[in-house]
Protein backbone atom coordinates (compact mmCIF):
# COMPACT_ATOMS: atom_id res chain seq x y z
CA UNK A 1 -7.12 28.67 -8.43
CA UNK A 2 -9.38 31.67 -8.76
CA UNK A 3 -13.10 31.37 -7.96
CA UNK A 4 -14.34 30.90 -11.53
CA UNK A 5 -11.56 28.44 -12.37
CA UNK A 6 -12.31 26.41 -9.26
CA UNK A 7 -16.04 26.33 -10.07
CA UNK A 8 -15.25 25.12 -13.60
CA UNK A 9 -12.91 22.47 -12.21
CA UNK A 10 -15.56 21.22 -9.81
CA UNK A 11 -18.09 21.10 -12.67
CA UNK A 12 -15.81 18.97 -14.86
CA UNK A 13 -14.89 16.74 -11.93
CA UNK A 14 -18.51 16.18 -10.86
CA UNK A 15 -19.57 15.44 -14.45
CA UNK A 16 -16.76 12.89 -14.87
CA UNK A 17 -17.43 11.28 -11.51
CA UNK A 18 -21.22 11.13 -11.52
CA UNK A 19 -21.12 7.32 -11.51
CA UNK A 20 -17.92 6.82 -9.52
CA UNK A 21 -17.87 5.84 -5.85
CA UNK A 22 -15.56 8.60 -4.62
CA UNK A 23 -14.79 6.70 -1.46
CA UNK A 24 -12.89 4.17 -3.55
CA UNK A 25 -11.92 5.84 -6.82
CA UNK A 26 -11.56 9.15 -8.58
CA UNK A 27 -11.72 9.63 -12.35
CA UNK A 28 -9.46 12.46 -13.51
CA UNK A 29 -10.32 12.27 -17.24
CA UNK A 30 -10.59 15.73 -18.74
CA UNK A 31 -8.47 17.45 -16.10
CA UNK A 32 -5.08 19.05 -16.62
CA UNK A 33 -2.25 17.98 -14.33
CA UNK A 34 -2.51 21.10 -12.14
CA UNK A 35 -6.28 20.65 -11.78
CA UNK A 36 -5.89 16.96 -10.99
CA UNK A 37 -3.39 17.79 -8.23
CA UNK A 38 -5.95 20.08 -6.59
CA UNK A 39 -8.68 17.44 -6.74
CA UNK A 40 -6.45 14.64 -5.50
CA UNK A 41 -5.11 16.70 -2.59
CA UNK A 42 -8.67 17.38 -1.41
CA UNK A 43 -9.58 13.70 -1.75
CA UNK A 44 -6.46 12.46 0.05
CA UNK A 45 -7.15 14.82 2.94
CA UNK A 46 -10.78 13.63 3.07
CA UNK A 47 -9.69 9.99 2.94
CA UNK A 48 -7.29 10.56 5.83
CA UNK A 49 -10.02 12.29 7.85
CA UNK A 50 -12.29 9.28 7.25
CA UNK A 51 -9.61 6.75 8.17
CA UNK A 52 -9.38 5.17 4.72
CA UNK A 53 -6.13 3.54 3.73
CA UNK A 54 -6.34 3.44 -0.06
CA UNK A 55 -8.18 4.48 -3.19
CA UNK A 56 -7.81 4.29 -6.97
CA UNK A 57 -6.99 7.15 -9.32
CA UNK A 58 -8.27 6.65 -12.86
CA UNK A 59 -6.14 8.70 -15.24
CA UNK A 60 -6.80 7.09 -18.59
CA UNK A 61 -3.99 6.00 -20.87
CA UNK A 62 -3.23 9.39 -22.37
CA UNK A 63 -5.05 9.15 -25.70
CA UNK A 64 -5.85 12.87 -25.52
CA UNK A 65 -2.33 13.97 -24.55
CA UNK A 66 0.09 15.33 -27.08
CA UNK A 67 2.94 12.84 -27.02
CA UNK A 68 3.22 10.58 -23.99
CA UNK A 69 0.60 10.31 -21.25
CA UNK A 70 1.08 13.04 -18.66
CA UNK A 71 -1.54 12.55 -15.99
CA UNK A 72 -0.60 9.09 -14.64
CA UNK A 73 3.12 9.83 -14.21
CA UNK A 74 2.34 13.23 -12.68
CA UNK A 75 -0.15 11.76 -10.19
CA UNK A 76 2.24 8.97 -9.22
CA UNK A 77 5.02 11.50 -8.61
CA UNK A 78 2.63 13.78 -6.68
CA UNK A 79 1.46 10.98 -4.38
CA UNK A 80 5.07 10.07 -3.61
CA UNK A 81 5.86 13.75 -2.97
CA UNK A 82 2.99 13.83 -0.46
CA UNK A 83 4.50 10.77 1.22
CA UNK A 84 1.94 8.17 0.11
CA UNK A 85 2.41 4.93 -1.77
CA UNK A 86 1.30 4.77 -5.39
CA UNK A 87 1.62 1.97 -7.93
CA UNK A 88 0.24 1.38 -11.40
CA UNK A 89 -2.66 -1.04 -11.43
CA UNK A 90 -3.00 -1.57 -15.14
CA UNK A 91 -3.11 1.01 -17.93
CA UNK A 92 -4.56 4.32 -16.81
CA UNK A 93 -5.14 3.30 -13.20
CA UNK A 94 -3.15 3.93 -10.01
CA UNK A 95 -3.63 2.43 -6.54
CA UNK A 96 -2.80 4.90 -3.77
CA UNK A 97 -1.91 3.72 -0.29
CA UNK A 98 -2.52 6.50 2.20
CA UNK A 99 0.09 6.58 4.90
CA UNK A 100 -1.57 7.88 8.05
CA UNK A 101 -0.33 11.16 9.43
CA UNK A 102 1.26 12.22 6.15
CA UNK A 103 -0.12 15.68 5.37
CA UNK A 104 1.80 18.22 3.34
């Protein structure tokens, strides 16, 4: 991401997560898949640094997507690609299990 794009991404993320305990959950509403990947990668790295073993990704159910929901399936696939566990925990919510030492 370029500087201005990253600043905009951080602004949207902070606005969406003002009431979320980021040690336990992240709300990705309003982010595109590519933006969500950037946010989640930063948070997974931070969680690993802090010795945490899991957190929740809130994706929403896809009401604002054209066609099928995109964010939840993309985040689940991305977590598996990074080598972490990820399972659906109800509509619009994923539980990520961070496997220690798995950085990509």
